[in-house]
Protein backbone atom coordinates (compact mmCIF):
# COMPACT_ATOMS: atom_id res chain seq x y z
CA UNK A 1 -5.32 -7.87 28.71
CA UNK A 2 -8.72 -6.18 28.57
CA UNK A 3 -11.33 -6.91 31.21
CA UNK A 4 -13.59 -8.48 28.59
CA UNK A 5 -10.84 -10.85 27.45
CA UNK A 6 -9.66 -11.80 30.90
CA UNK A 7 -10.20 -15.42 31.92
CA UNK A 8 -12.30 -16.09 35.03
CA UNK A 9 -10.57 -16.23 38.41
CA UNK A 10 -10.41 -19.42 40.47
CA UNK A 11 -10.47 -19.88 44.23
CA UNK A 12 -10.23 -23.38 45.69
CA UNK A 13 -10.84 -23.98 49.37
CA UNK A 14 -9.09 -27.31 49.93
CA UNK A 15 -10.25 -27.89 53.49
CA UNK A 16 -8.16 -30.54 55.22
CA UNK A 17 -9.99 -33.37 57.07
CA UNK A 18 -13.55 -32.12 56.52
CA UNK A 19 -16.03 -34.98 56.58
CA UNK A 20 -19.19 -34.47 54.63
CA UNK A 21 -21.57 -35.88 57.22
CA UNK A 22 -20.57 -33.25 59.80
CA UNK A 23 -21.73 -30.38 57.58
CA UNK A 24 -25.26 -29.05 57.91
CA UNK A 25 -25.16 -28.52 54.13
CA UNK A 26 -25.23 -32.31 53.85
CA UNK A 27 -27.92 -32.91 56.47
CA UNK A 28 -25.96 -32.98 59.74
CA UNK A 29 -28.30 -32.27 62.64
CA UNK A 30 -25.98 -29.61 64.10
CA UNK A 31 -25.74 -26.23 62.39
CA UNK A 32 -22.01 -26.40 61.74
CA UNK A 33 -21.82 -24.71 58.33
CA UNK A 34 -24.49 -21.99 57.93
CA UNK A 35 -22.36 -19.86 55.61
CA UNK A 36 -21.30 -22.81 53.46
CA UNK A 37 -24.98 -23.84 53.45
CA UNK A 38 -25.80 -20.48 51.87
CA UNK A 39 -22.87 -20.86 49.49
CA UNK A 40 -24.30 -24.24 48.42
CA UNK A 41 -27.72 -22.68 47.84
CA UNK A 42 -26.02 -20.34 45.38
CA UNK A 43 -24.15 -23.11 43.57
CA UNK A 44 -23.98 -26.83 42.87
CA UNK A 45 -23.52 -29.41 45.63
CA UNK A 46 -22.36 -32.95 44.87
CA UNK A 47 -23.93 -35.40 47.30
CA UNK A 48 -21.70 -38.46 46.83
CA UNK A 49 -18.15 -37.20 46.35
CA UNK A 50 -15.27 -39.56 47.12
CA UNK A 51 -11.58 -39.12 47.78
CA UNK A 52 -10.51 -42.74 47.26
CA UNK A 53 -6.79 -42.40 48.02
CA UNK A 54 -6.01 -41.07 51.46
CA UNK A 55 -4.35 -39.20 53.12
CA UNK A 56 -3.35 -35.62 52.25
CA UNK A 57 -0.59 -36.05 49.67
CA UNK A 58 -2.32 -38.46 47.25
CA UNK A 59 -5.68 -36.71 47.68
CA UNK A 60 -4.40 -33.25 46.79
CA UNK A 61 -2.33 -34.79 44.00
CA UNK A 62 -5.52 -36.19 42.47
CA UNK A 63 -7.41 -32.93 43.06
CA UNK A 64 -4.74 -30.81 41.39
CA UNK A 65 -3.87 -33.09 38.45
CA UNK A 66 -7.08 -34.87 37.46
CA UNK A 67 -5.26 -38.19 37.81
CA UNK A 68 -5.92 -41.23 39.99
CA UNK A 69 -3.17 -42.77 42.11
CA UNK A 70 -1.80 -44.72 39.14
CA UNK A 71 -1.60 -41.51 37.14
CA UNK A 72 0.05 -39.46 39.89
CA UNK A 73 2.14 -42.37 41.25
CA UNK A 74 1.28 -41.06 44.73
CA UNK A 75 -0.32 -43.04 47.57
CA UNK A 76 1.74 -42.21 50.67
CA UNK A 77 1.71 -39.27 53.07
CA UNK A 78 5.52 -39.31 52.99
CA UNK A 79 5.74 -39.42 49.21
CA UNK A 80 9.23 -39.34 47.74
CA UNK A 81 9.76 -37.73 44.35
CA UNK A 82 7.54 -35.68 42.08
CA UNK A 83 3.89 -36.01 41.20
CA UNK A 84 3.81 -37.69 37.83
CA UNK A 85 1.47 -35.27 36.04
CA UNK A 86 1.11 -31.54 35.29
CA UNK A 87 -0.57 -29.63 38.12
CA UNK A 88 -3.42 -27.17 37.87
CA UNK A 89 -1.13 -24.37 39.02
CA UNK A 90 1.35 -25.16 36.24
CA UNK A 91 -1.37 -25.25 33.59
CA UNK A 92 -3.01 -22.01 34.73
CA UNK A 93 0.38 -20.33 35.09
CA UNK A 94 1.08 -21.17 31.45
CA UNK A 95 -2.31 -19.61 30.59
CA UNK A 96 -1.27 -16.30 32.12
CA UNK A 97 -2.73 -16.69 35.59
CA UNK A 98 -1.23 -15.34 38.77
CA UNK A 99 -1.08 -18.33 41.12
CA UNK A 100 -0.91 -18.25 44.91
CA UNK A 101 -1.00 -21.11 47.39
CA UNK A 102 -1.78 -20.47 51.07
CA UNK A 103 -0.91 -23.10 53.66
CA UNK A 104 0.45 -25.87 51.47
CA UNK A 105 4.08 -24.98 50.92
CA UNK A 106 6.53 -27.57 49.66
CA UNK A 107 4.20 -30.55 49.24
CA UNK A 108 4.81 -32.41 45.96
CA UNK A 109 1.10 -31.95 45.20
CA UNK A 110 1.41 -28.16 45.37
CA UNK A 111 4.04 -27.80 42.66
CA UNK A 112 3.82 -24.86 40.27
CA UNK A 113 2.49 -21.86 42.22
CA UNK A 114 4.47 -18.66 41.82
CA UNK A 115 3.64 -17.43 45.32
CA UNK A 116 3.53 -19.50 48.52
CA UNK A 117 2.24 -18.06 51.80
CA UNK A 118 2.05 -19.79 55.17
CA UNK A 119 0.14 -19.25 58.41
CA UNK A 120 0.03 -20.81 61.87
CA UNK A 121 -2.23 -23.85 61.65
CA UNK A 122 -0.96 -26.06 64.49
CA UNK A 123 0.33 -24.32 67.60
CA UNK A 124 -2.10 -22.79 70.11
CA UNK A 125 -1.87 -19.14 71.11
CA UNK A 126 -1.72 -17.76 74.66
CA UNK A 127 -5.36 -18.79 75.20
CA UNK A 128 -4.54 -22.43 74.51
CA UNK A 129 -6.57 -22.25 71.31
CA UNK A 130 -5.52 -21.91 67.67
CA UNK A 131 -7.51 -19.47 65.47
CA UNK A 132 -6.41 -21.29 62.34
CA UNK A 133 -8.94 -19.81 59.91
CA UNK A 134 -8.39 -16.25 61.13
CA UNK A 135 -4.65 -16.80 60.77
CA UNK A 136 -5.33 -17.91 57.20
CA UNK A 137 -7.55 -14.86 56.56
CA UNK A 138 -4.82 -12.53 57.81
CA UNK A 139 -2.62 -13.82 54.99
CA UNK A 140 -5.18 -14.68 52.32
CA UNK A 141 -7.39 -11.57 52.28
CA UNK A 142 -4.53 -9.10 51.66
CA UNK A 143 -3.28 -11.46 48.95
CA UNK A 144 -6.77 -11.54 47.43
CA UNK A 145 -6.73 -7.73 47.30
CA UNK A 146 -3.31 -7.80 45.61
CA UNK A 147 -4.41 -10.33 43.03
CA UNK A 148 -7.60 -8.38 42.30
CA UNK A 149 -5.54 -5.30 41.42
CA UNK A 150 -3.47 -7.16 38.83
CA UNK A 151 -4.41 -7.18 35.15
CA UNK A 152 -4.26 -10.96 35.06
CA UNK A 153 -6.71 -13.64 36.18
CA UNK A 154 -5.71 -15.46 39.34
CA UNK A 155 -5.80 -18.88 40.97
CA UNK A 156 -5.86 -18.72 44.77
CA UNK A 157 -5.60 -22.05 46.62
CA UNK A 158 -6.47 -22.00 50.33
CA UNK A 159 -5.71 -24.97 52.53
CA UNK A 160 -7.85 -24.59 55.65
CA UNK A 161 -6.71 -26.71 58.59
CA UNK A 162 -9.37 -26.22 61.28
CA UNK A 163 -10.93 -29.72 61.02
CA UNK A 164 -7.47 -31.31 61.15
CA UNK A 165 -6.34 -32.33 64.61
CA UNK A 166 -5.52 -30.68 66.94
CA UNK A 167 -9.10 -29.41 67.13
CA UNK A 168 -8.61 -26.09 68.91
CA UNK A 169 -11.44 -23.70 67.99
CA UNK A 170 -11.41 -20.37 69.87
CA UNK A 171 -14.18 -19.42 72.27
CA UNK A 172 -17.15 -19.64 72.11
CA UNK A 173 -16.92 -22.34 69.45
CA UNK A 174 -15.34 -24.89 71.78
CA UNK A 175 -18.64 -25.25 73.64
CA UNK A 176 -21.38 -24.46 71.15
CA UNK A 177 -22.00 -28.17 70.57
CA UNK A 178 -21.20 -29.45 74.05
CA UNK A 179 -22.98 -28.76 77.33
CA UNK A 180 -21.90 -31.66 79.50
CA UNK A 181 -19.14 -32.28 82.02
CA UNK A 182 -16.08 -33.26 80.02
CA UNK A 183 -14.28 -34.31 83.20
CA UNK A 184 -17.03 -36.53 84.61
CA UNK A 185 -15.10 -39.21 86.57
CA UNK A 186 -17.79 -41.80 85.87
CA UNK A 187 -17.32 -41.46 82.10
CA UNK A 188 -14.62 -43.84 80.89
CA UNK A 189 -15.00 -43.37 77.15
CA UNK A 190 -11.56 -41.78 76.71
CA UNK A 191 -9.64 -44.56 78.43
CA UNK A 192 -9.16 -46.55 75.24
CA UNK A 193 -8.00 -43.37 73.49
CA UNK A 194 -5.33 -42.60 76.06
CA UNK A 195 -4.24 -46.24 76.12
CA UNK A 196 -3.53 -46.31 72.39
CA UNK A 197 0.21 -45.84 72.66
CA UNK A 198 1.02 -44.68 69.09
CA UNK A 199 -1.30 -41.65 69.39
CA UNK A 200 -1.55 -41.10 73.17
CA UNK A 201 1.16 -38.46 73.50
CA UNK A 202 -0.14 -36.52 70.52
CA UNK A 203 -3.73 -36.52 71.74
CA UNK A 204 -2.76 -35.62 75.30
CA UNK A 205 -0.71 -32.70 73.96
CA UNK A 206 -3.86 -30.83 72.91
CA UNK A 207 -6.87 -32.44 74.62
CA UNK A 208 -7.29 -30.59 77.96
CA UNK A 209 -6.10 -32.44 81.05
CA UNK A 210 -8.69 -34.62 82.71
CA UNK A 211 -11.13 -34.94 79.79
CA UNK A 212 -13.00 -38.23 80.14
CA UNK A 213 -15.83 -37.79 77.61
CA UNK A 214 -15.12 -38.56 73.96
CA UNK A 215 -18.18 -36.51 72.99
CA UNK A 216 -16.35 -33.41 74.17
CA UNK A 217 -13.48 -34.04 71.74
CA UNK A 218 -15.88 -34.68 68.87
CA UNK A 219 -17.63 -31.43 69.78
CA UNK A 220 -14.27 -29.68 69.38
CA UNK A 221 -14.18 -30.98 65.81
CA UNK A 222 -17.69 -29.66 65.14
CA UNK A 223 -16.79 -26.38 66.81
CA UNK A 224 -13.69 -26.07 64.66
CA UNK A 225 -15.81 -26.61 61.54
CA UNK A 226 -18.31 -23.95 62.67
CA UNK A 227 -15.55 -21.49 63.54
CA UNK A 228 -13.93 -22.07 60.15
CA UNK A 229 -17.28 -21.62 58.41
CA UNK A 230 -17.73 -18.22 60.05
CA UNK A 231 -14.20 -17.21 59.06
CA UNK A 232 -14.67 -18.39 55.47
CA UNK A 233 -17.54 -15.93 55.17
CA UNK A 234 -14.89 -13.20 55.38
CA UNK A 235 -13.31 -14.64 52.22
CA UNK A 236 -16.66 -14.68 50.43
CA UNK A 237 -17.36 -11.13 51.59
CA UNK A 238 -13.99 -9.95 50.30
CA UNK A 239 -14.74 -11.48 46.89
CA UNK A 240 -18.05 -9.64 46.82
CA UNK A 241 -16.63 -6.34 48.06
CA UNK A 242 -13.91 -6.44 45.42
CA UNK A 243 -16.54 -6.90 42.70
CA UNK A 244 -15.20 -10.33 41.74
CA UNK A 245 -18.31 -12.45 42.28
CA UNK A 246 -19.45 -12.71 38.68
CA UNK A 247 -15.98 -13.48 37.32
CA UNK A 248 -14.77 -15.98 39.92
CA UNK A 249 -15.27 -19.71 40.13
CA UNK A 250 -15.13 -20.86 43.75
CA UNK A 251 -14.73 -24.52 44.68
CA UNK A 252 -15.11 -25.89 48.21
CA UNK A 253 -13.87 -29.42 48.86
CA UNK A 254 -11.66 -31.55 51.09
CA UNK A 255 -8.78 -33.97 50.71
CA UNK A 256 -10.33 -36.59 53.00
CA UNK A 257 -12.64 -36.91 55.97
CA UNK A 258 -11.88 -37.78 59.58
CA UNK A 259 -12.41 -40.59 62.03
CA UNK A 260 -13.56 -39.28 65.39
CA UNK A 261 -14.46 -42.13 67.74
CA UNK A 262 -15.23 -44.75 65.10
CA UNK A 263 -13.32 -47.89 64.18
CA UNK A 264 -10.65 -47.32 66.91
CA UNK A 265 -8.93 -44.83 64.59
CA UNK A 266 -9.25 -42.04 67.11
CA UNK A 267 -9.35 -38.39 65.97
CA UNK A 268 -7.35 -38.92 62.79
CA UNK A 269 -7.89 -39.90 59.16
CA UNK A 270 -6.75 -43.44 58.58
CA UNK A 271 -8.87 -46.49 57.91
CA UNK A 272 -10.60 -46.99 54.56
CA UNK A 273 -14.05 -46.34 56.02
CA UNK A 274 -16.54 -43.95 54.48
CA UNK A 275 -16.03 -41.33 57.20
CA UNK A 276 -12.60 -40.72 55.66
CA UNK A 277 -13.53 -41.29 52.02
CA UNK A 278 -16.70 -39.22 51.53
CA UNK A 279 -16.07 -35.47 51.38
CA UNK A 280 -17.88 -32.30 50.30
CA UNK A 281 -17.75 -30.78 46.85
CA UNK A 282 -19.51 -27.50 46.03
CA UNK A 283 -19.02 -25.29 42.96
CA UNK A 284 -20.25 -21.71 42.61
CA UNK A 285 -19.93 -19.70 39.42
CA UNK A 286 -22.76 -17.18 38.84
CA UNK A 287 -23.99 -17.17 35.28
CA UNK A 288 -22.22 -20.40 34.40
CA UNK A 289 -23.63 -22.81 36.97
CA UNK A 290 -27.16 -23.11 38.35
CA UNK A 291 -28.07 -22.16 41.91
CA UNK A 292 -29.33 -24.64 44.47
CA UNK A 293 -28.56 -27.69 42.35
CA UNK A 294 -27.78 -30.99 44.09
CA UNK A 295 -26.18 -33.78 42.06
CA UNK A 296 -26.65 -37.34 43.33
CA UNK A 297 -24.22 -39.09 40.96
CA UNK A 298 -21.03 -40.52 42.46
CA UNK A 299 -18.07 -38.23 41.75
CA UNK A 300 -14.38 -38.57 42.58
CA UNK A 301 -11.68 -36.11 43.51
CA UNK A 302 -9.89 -36.37 40.17
CA UNK A 303 -13.04 -35.03 38.47
CA UNK A 304 -12.36 -31.60 39.96
CA UNK A 305 -9.56 -30.46 37.66
CA UNK A 306 -11.21 -31.32 34.30
CA UNK A 307 -14.42 -29.63 35.53
CA UNK A 308 -12.50 -26.48 36.46
CA UNK A 309 -10.68 -26.32 33.12
CA UNK A 310 -13.95 -26.59 31.20
CA UNK A 311 -15.59 -23.89 33.33
CA UNK A 312 -12.58 -21.60 32.79
CA UNK A 313 -12.77 -22.21 29.01
CA UNK A 314 -9.23 -23.57 28.98
CA UNK A 315 -8.60 -26.16 26.30
CA UNK A 316 -5.74 -28.23 27.61
CA UNK A 317 -4.76 -31.50 25.87
CA UNK A 318 -5.04 -33.24 29.21
CA UNK A 319 -5.40 -36.99 29.55
CA UNK A 320 -7.28 -36.83 32.83
CA UNK A 321 -8.48 -39.94 34.61
CA UNK A 322 -11.42 -37.94 35.93
CA UNK A 323 -14.18 -36.39 33.87
CA UNK A 324 -15.81 -32.98 33.68
CA UNK A 325 -18.89 -32.89 35.89
CA UNK A 326 -20.79 -30.40 33.74
CA UNK A 327 -22.75 -33.19 32.01
CA UNK A 328 -23.66 -34.59 35.44
CA UNK A 329 -24.94 -31.17 36.48
CA UNK A 330 -27.18 -31.30 33.41
CA UNK A 331 -28.35 -34.79 34.40
CA UNK A 332 -26.50 -36.47 31.52
CA UNK A 333 -23.19 -37.83 32.86
CA UNK A 334 -20.82 -39.13 30.20
CA UNK A 335 -20.05 -42.14 32.38
CA UNK A 336 -21.36 -43.17 35.76
CA UNK A 337 -19.02 -44.26 38.53
CA UNK A 338 -20.23 -47.16 40.62
CA UNK A 339 -17.07 -48.93 41.81
CA UNK A 340 -13.95 -47.43 43.34
CA UNK A 341 -10.41 -48.59 43.98
CA UNK A 342 -9.28 -47.44 47.44
CA UNK A 343 -5.79 -46.93 48.85
CA UNK A 344 -4.36 -45.84 52.17
CA UNK A 345 -0.79 -45.16 53.18
CA UNK A 346 -0.98 -43.01 56.32
CA UNK A 347 -0.46 -45.15 59.40
CA UNK A 348 -1.44 -48.39 57.65
CA UNK A 349 -0.85 -49.78 54.14
CA UNK A 350 -4.08 -51.12 52.73
CA UNK A 351 -6.19 -51.09 49.63
CA UNK A 352 -9.74 -52.02 48.81
CA UNK A 353 -12.73 -52.05 46.51
CA UNK A 354 -16.04 -50.27 47.05
CA UNK A 355 -19.36 -50.86 45.28
CA UNK A 356 -22.75 -49.41 46.24
CA UNK A 357 -23.39 -52.64 48.16
CA UNK A 358 -20.01 -53.81 49.45
CA UNK A 359 -16.72 -52.54 50.88
CA UNK A 360 -13.65 -54.79 50.76
CA UNK A 361 -10.48 -53.79 52.63
CA UNK A 362 -7.29 -55.84 52.33
CA UNK A 363 -4.15 -55.19 54.37
CA UNK A 364 -0.81 -55.28 52.57
CA UNK A 365 1.00 -55.57 55.90
CA UNK A 366 -0.18 -55.87 59.52
CA UNK A 367 -1.64 -52.70 61.03
CA UNK A 368 -1.16 -51.22 64.48
CA UNK A 369 -4.83 -51.68 65.38
CA UNK A 370 -4.54 -55.49 65.20
CA UNK A 371 -7.35 -55.57 62.64
CA UNK A 372 -7.86 -58.65 60.46
CA UNK A 373 -6.14 -58.89 57.12
CA UNK A 374 -9.45 -58.89 55.26
CA UNK A 375 -12.51 -56.80 56.07
CA UNK A 376 -15.87 -56.91 54.29
CA UNK A 377 -18.85 -54.68 55.00
CA UNK A 378 -22.40 -54.77 53.66
CA UNK A 379 -23.00 -51.07 53.07
CA UNK A 380 -26.74 -51.55 52.65
CA UNK A 381 -27.34 -53.33 55.95
CA UNK A 382 -24.35 -51.86 57.84
CA UNK A 383 -23.65 -48.36 56.46
CA UNK A 384 -21.47 -47.45 59.44
CA UNK A 385 -19.21 -50.44 58.70
CA UNK A 386 -19.25 -51.93 62.19
CA UNK A 387 -19.65 -55.63 61.33
CA UNK A 388 -16.88 -57.36 59.41
CA UNK A 389 -18.47 -60.30 57.59
CA UNK A 390 -15.46 -61.44 55.54
CA UNK A 391 -15.47 -64.91 57.08
CA UNK A 392 -19.20 -65.35 56.51
CA UNK A 393 -19.07 -64.23 52.85
CA UNK A 394 -15.92 -65.75 51.28
CA UNK A 395 -17.47 -65.76 47.81
CA UNK A 396 -18.09 -61.99 47.96
CA UNK A 397 -14.51 -61.47 49.15
CA UNK A 398 -13.25 -63.54 46.23
CA UNK A 399 -15.43 -61.69 43.72
CA UNK A 400 -14.44 -58.21 44.92
CA UNK A 401 -10.77 -59.17 45.14
CA UNK A 402 -10.89 -60.35 41.52
CA UNK A 403 -12.54 -57.11 40.40
CA UNK A 404 -9.95 -55.08 42.31
CA UNK A 405 -7.01 -57.03 40.87
CA UNK A 406 -8.44 -56.73 37.36
CA UNK A 407 -8.64 -52.96 37.79
CA UNK A 408 -5.06 -52.82 39.10
CA UNK A 409 -3.78 -54.84 36.15
CA UNK A 410 -5.60 -52.64 33.66
CA UNK A 411 -4.33 -49.39 35.19
CA UNK A 412 -0.77 -50.75 35.41
CA UNK A 413 -0.91 -51.57 31.70
CA UNK A 414 -2.40 -48.17 30.82
CA UNK A 415 0.16 -46.17 32.80
CA UNK A 416 3.20 -48.41 32.41
CA UNK A 417 3.67 -48.23 36.19
CA UNK A 418 3.52 -50.73 38.99
CA UNK A 419 0.70 -49.95 41.41
CA UNK A 420 2.31 -47.42 43.80
CA UNK A 421 0.67 -49.07 46.81
CA UNK A 422 3.00 -52.01 46.11
CA UNK A 423 6.18 -49.96 45.76
CA UNK A 424 5.86 -47.39 48.57
CA UNK A 425 7.43 -49.60 51.21
CA UNK A 426 8.89 -46.68 53.18
CA UNK A 427 5.44 -45.18 53.79
CA UNK A 428 5.87 -45.18 57.60
CA UNK A 429 9.21 -43.37 57.67
CA UNK A 430 10.89 -46.27 59.48
CA UNK A 431 12.83 -47.81 56.62
CA UNK A 432 11.61 -49.91 53.72
CA UNK A 433 10.92 -53.21 55.47
CA UNK A 434 7.20 -54.01 55.80
CA UNK A 435 5.87 -54.70 59.28
CA UNK A 436 5.69 -58.41 60.01
CA UNK A 437 3.21 -58.15 62.89
CA UNK A 438 0.68 -55.77 64.35
CA UNK A 439 2.70 -55.70 67.54
CA UNK A 440 5.75 -54.49 65.63
CA UNK A 441 3.68 -51.75 64.00
CA UNK A 442 2.17 -50.78 67.35
CA UNK A 443 5.58 -50.57 69.02
CA UNK A 444 7.20 -48.71 66.13
CA UNK A 445 4.72 -46.02 65.12
CA UNK A 446 4.40 -43.03 67.42
CA UNK A 447 3.22 -39.43 67.15
CA UNK A 448 4.47 -37.06 69.81
CA UNK A 449 3.13 -33.54 70.37
CA UNK A 450 1.14 -31.55 67.84
CA UNK A 451 4.40 -29.86 66.82
CA UNK A 452 5.83 -33.30 66.04
CA UNK A 453 2.75 -33.99 63.94
CA UNK A 454 3.35 -30.74 62.08
CA UNK A 455 6.90 -31.84 61.31
CA UNK A 456 5.57 -35.14 59.95
CA UNK A 457 3.36 -33.18 57.55
CA UNK A 458 6.37 -31.11 56.54
CA UNK A 459 8.50 -34.19 55.98
CA UNK A 460 5.86 -35.52 53.59
CA UNK A 461 6.78 -32.68 51.26
CA UNK A 462 10.43 -33.62 51.00
């Protein structure tokens, strides 16, 4: 294949657990992402990008198939069976691409790569810290050099894990956003964290002994993002040094966000709140996309694949649920998204409906936080979703529930499938019987050490 005929290369940075509002690119008041900020100035940044089905498995399934949860049939972390749609790796492989996946081996959403490479993204080193992004670079940069030497275009997928707990950025990043006394005996803000039995052992396995200040733990998250940002610059530099800049589409995004100290969902990514649903999306492709463009339209994670295929000039007869975002970049979206169906199957089984004004969350079984079955938030007056007004606004609850159920019925008819949030009864890994009480859920669900958490992620791929 001649150089002139070669298709463009593709690199996707699928950064796990990166919340948009903790990136300086998106206006965060701490300079967490200076290199990604520069990357955004050279490309297109989408300001309102949603990943409506959390956690990892359904989100990456949507990202890599262009399908929503009805199209992929995936809603649960511990998904059983295949993803019900062709993956981006399969399509590009059929188009003659070399395909390599780093850090996402075995997950049903990562089907179709010809090469899988892993790196240490959980366990700390002898310093008690985990240089996750440098571990990734040690694997990914040599692979990038190998792919660049081939006579075929390539697709390189990188799953960065630094913002995913445990937050263990190396020095000096663990203190660049924190200057207090994390062991102040008068600070009691971590007591509720340590008393939350399902997560206590996991959190204590990586949070240093004696930490009393929740701000210190949140600063570890920000430090991990900043450390990762600095390490990602090495990837960008390698692309430039190899002379690949003009012929490579690079996409930076995330599967979901993170809850830090909000909503009692401590240092994890469950709860259908915007801190888990709103994620970054940045495209860079010199000569094909403008520089410094910011798009305010609402976009969703299953828009990524059809946008990529159009930018790579690949005509695939794909019935995507998402849409190419190139018209939105030009200010002429083919259809505007204003309402979203939400699902969660991580540590709770819930679904919901989001409009620009309202957020409805309905539990399908009791959760281990003892939250009410129905939550309603006025996103205009209460954007941080701290005041549940479901009891005060029953008519709004009824209206949003009807809109949600109408959407479910339509998508079930279109796909010929029952809504997977109804059928994934074994989502918690404790059998197929739904929890009958919050106390049962609280007593049953438990994460041990960070190594146990890693095994849970691995089990989700089986």
